[in-house]
Amino acid sequence: MSRVYRMSFDGGVWKMWRDAPGFDQRFTGTLGADGRGIQATWEKSLDNETWEHDFDMIYTKRADG
């Protein structure tokens, strides 16, 4: 099984989404002002009308990376 996501990046905002009957998903991440991190949120929908928060995440670039 695999999932295929569409993606965009514009103005420091990274978006990913997946339209799948019965389980749609969307992600919005915002690039930090220093360019070293991204704060993001995942949402899900079972009917593509009612969206609910799934989880938050933070990406941080390592100092040695």
C-alpha atoms as a PDB file:
ATOM      1  CA  MET A   1       0.000   0.000   0.000  1.00  0.00           C
ATOM      2  CA  SER A   2       1.199   3.501  -0.718  1.00  0.00           C
ATOM      3  CA  ARG A   3      -0.076   7.060  -0.427  1.00  0.00           C
ATOM      4  CA  VAL A   4       0.461   9.769  -3.016  1.00  0.00           C
ATOM      5  CA  TYR A   5       0.562  13.392  -1.841  1.00  0.00           C
ATOM      6  CA  ARG A   6       0.514  16.630  -3.802  1.00  0.00           C
ATOM      7  CA  MET A   7       2.796  19.379  -2.567  1.00  0.00           C
ATOM      8  CA  SER A   8       3.423  23.126  -2.863  1.00  0.00           C
ATOM      9  CA  PHE A   9       5.863  25.605  -1.325  1.00  0.00           C
ATOM     10  CA  ASP A  10       5.190  29.334  -1.583  1.00  0.00           C
ATOM     11  CA  GLY A  11       6.029  32.311   0.598  1.00  0.00           C
ATOM     12  CA  GLY A  12       7.558  30.163   3.320  1.00  0.00           C
ATOM     13  CA  VAL A  13       4.505  27.905   3.568  1.00  0.00           C
ATOM     14  CA  TRP A  14       4.826  24.205   2.709  1.00  0.00           C
ATOM     15  CA  LYS A  15       1.578  22.379   1.963  1.00  0.00           C
ATOM     16  CA  MET A  16       0.924  18.701   1.307  1.00  0.00           C
ATOM     17  CA  TRP A  17      -2.422  17.064   0.753  1.00  0.00           C
ATOM     18  CA  ARG A  18      -3.957  13.794  -0.182  1.00  0.00           C
ATOM     19  CA  ASP A  19      -7.463  13.321  -1.547  1.00  0.00           C
ATOM     20  CA  ALA A  20      -8.595   9.765  -0.882  1.00  0.00           C
ATOM     21  CA  PRO A  21     -12.224   8.748  -0.385  1.00  0.00           C
ATOM     22  CA  GLY A  22     -12.813   8.091   3.285  1.00  0.00           C
ATOM     23  CA  PHE A  23      -9.471   9.477   4.519  1.00  0.00           C
ATOM     24  CA  ASP A  24      -8.249  12.837   3.205  1.00  0.00           C
ATOM     25  CA  GLN A  25      -5.191  14.461   4.771  1.00  0.00           C
ATOM     26  CA  ARG A  26      -3.588  17.896   4.665  1.00  0.00           C
ATOM     27  CA  PHE A  27      -0.395  19.357   6.099  1.00  0.00           C
ATOM     28  CA  THR A  28       0.612  22.986   6.521  1.00  0.00           C
ATOM     29  CA  GLY A  29       4.129  23.911   7.616  1.00  0.00           C
ATOM     30  CA  THR A  30       5.550  27.404   8.106  1.00  0.00           C
ATOM     31  CA  LEU A  31       9.257  28.079   7.679  1.00  0.00           C
ATOM     32  CA  GLY A  32      10.800  29.888  10.647  1.00  0.00           C
ATOM     33  CA  ALA A  33      12.246  33.373  10.199  1.00  0.00           C
ATOM     34  CA  ASP A  34      15.794  32.030  10.669  1.00  0.00           C
ATOM     35  CA  GLY A  35      15.269  29.297   8.032  1.00  0.00           C
ATOM     36  CA  ARG A  36      16.274  26.546  10.489  1.00  0.00           C
ATOM     37  CA  GLY A  37      12.875  25.174  11.448  1.00  0.00           C
ATOM     38  CA  ILE A  38       9.355  24.434  10.297  1.00  0.00           C
ATOM     39  CA  GLN A  39       6.277  24.354  12.524  1.00  0.00           C
ATOM     40  CA  ALA A  40       3.586  22.157  11.019  1.00  0.00           C
ATOM     41  CA  THR A  41       0.119  20.722  11.549  1.00  0.00           C
ATOM     42  CA  TRP A  42      -1.576  17.663  10.070  1.00  0.00           C
ATOM     43  CA  GLU A  43      -5.349  17.485   9.650  1.00  0.00           C
ATOM     44  CA  LYS A  44      -7.613  14.647   8.521  1.00  0.00           C
ATOM     45  CA  SER A  45     -11.117  14.240   7.182  1.00  0.00           C
ATOM     46  CA  LEU A  46     -13.286  11.188   6.746  1.00  0.00           C
ATOM     47  CA  ASP A  47     -15.812  13.001   4.512  1.00  0.00           C
ATOM     48  CA  ASN A  48     -13.731  15.829   2.895  1.00  0.00           C
ATOM     49  CA  GLU A  49     -15.990  18.359   4.594  1.00  0.00           C
ATOM     50  CA  THR A  50     -15.271  18.101   8.302  1.00  0.00           C
ATOM     51  CA  TRP A  51     -11.581  18.518   9.091  1.00  0.00           C
ATOM     52  CA  GLU A  52     -10.048  17.725  12.459  1.00  0.00           C
ATOM     53  CA  HIS A  53      -6.615  18.328  13.914  1.00  0.00           C
ATOM     54  CA  ASP A  54      -4.483  15.181  13.826  1.00  0.00           C
ATOM     55  CA  PHE A  55      -1.110  16.259  15.235  1.00  0.00           C
ATOM     56  CA  ASP A  56       1.551  18.995  15.275  1.00  0.00           C
ATOM     57  CA  MET A  57       5.217  18.615  14.462  1.00  0.00           C
ATOM     58  CA  ILE A  58       8.372  20.706  14.466  1.00  0.00           C
ATOM     59  CA  TYR A  59      11.274  20.154  12.088  1.00  0.00           C
ATOM     60  CA  THR A  60      14.596  21.632  13.238  1.00  0.00           C
ATOM     61  CA  LYS A  61      17.810  21.704  11.229  1.00  0.00           C
ATOM     62  CA  ARG A  62      20.710  20.256  13.186  1.00  0.00           C
ATOM     63  CA  ALA A  63      23.590  22.598  13.963  1.00  0.00           C
ATOM     64  CA  ASP A  64      26.042  20.276  12.189  1.00  0.00           C
ATOM     65  CA  GLY A  65      23.762  19.667   9.160  1.00  0.00           C
END
